[in-house]
Structures are given as C-alpha cells and as structure tokens.
C-alpha cells in the first residue's frame, strides 16, 4: 500500500509500508497476487450488492397503467365518426394515421375540454381534421345526452304510471 504526504512544497513522496519492505523479495509476488485476488472478489461482491439494492439516484420505475374504463371501447365507439369527411385528409402525403384519428375521436367523445385546438396540439392533427372530429364528437355527445334524458324520463313515466295501477299495499 502506498502512503503519501506533502514534502518540501508541492512535491509528494510515496512511501511503502514498512510491512511490505520487510517481506522477502520471493514472497512479495505471492502477497501481491493474493491482495489483487481479494480486491477483485470484493469488487465483484460489492457490484452485486449494489445492483441488488435500489438506489435513490435511479429513475423511478414506471407505475402500472391505471385501469381503463371499458365503456370507452364498445361496439358503438365509432358511431358518428366522420370517416367520409376525413377521407380527403387521409390521402395527403403528411396524413395522420387512422389510429391517431380514432384516438382523437375517442378522446373527443369521452372527455370534456377536448376541443379542436387541443386535438391539433396534442395529437399533431391537421386543423381541418381536428375541427371535423371535434364538431362530430360534440354532435354525438348531444345525441347521447338527449337519448339518455329521454330514456330517464320514459323510465320515470313508466314508474309513475305503474304505481297508479298497482293496488295499495296492505299493512
């Protein structure tokens, strides 16, 4: 092992430990080989231990994806999708993929605040395609909302008319 200390200004002198110099010259090779072997084994063990233990400076692992609301992906998901109107957009050289258009449609029909500007910016859609999708999605949302309101009112009316026909319950 080498010890060093400052001597006479900036010069550093290295001194071997007295133990090393007391060994016979023939034994020094064996001791040096043993020291190198122990250092190598310690390096291997230290590397394995360090790899097994998570470190704070590592990037955190990605979290599992949140469960997907399966109501977004039904047989009627693409009902109202303006495919005919978008056909001209799909023929241009820099056309967005069909999957990206479908993604825009699903987002526009199921999330609030997803307007044409948002679709343009976040999905890199052409302005005309984003506006077509946003307008068709808004129309579909209104239709679905009106249908749900109609179904709810019909159910209430059936419940009210059904109550009148049933005889009162006896205690």
Foldseek 3Di string as FASTA:
>chain_A
DWDWDDDDPPDIDIDDDPVLVVDPPVCNVVVVVVVVVVVVVVVVVVVVVVVVDDDPPDDDDDDDDDDDDCVLPDPCNCPLPPCVVCVVQCPDPPRDDPVLLSVLLSCLQPDPPSALVNSCVVSVHDSVSSNSSNVSSVVVNVVVVVVVVVVVVVVVVCVVVVVVPDDDDDD
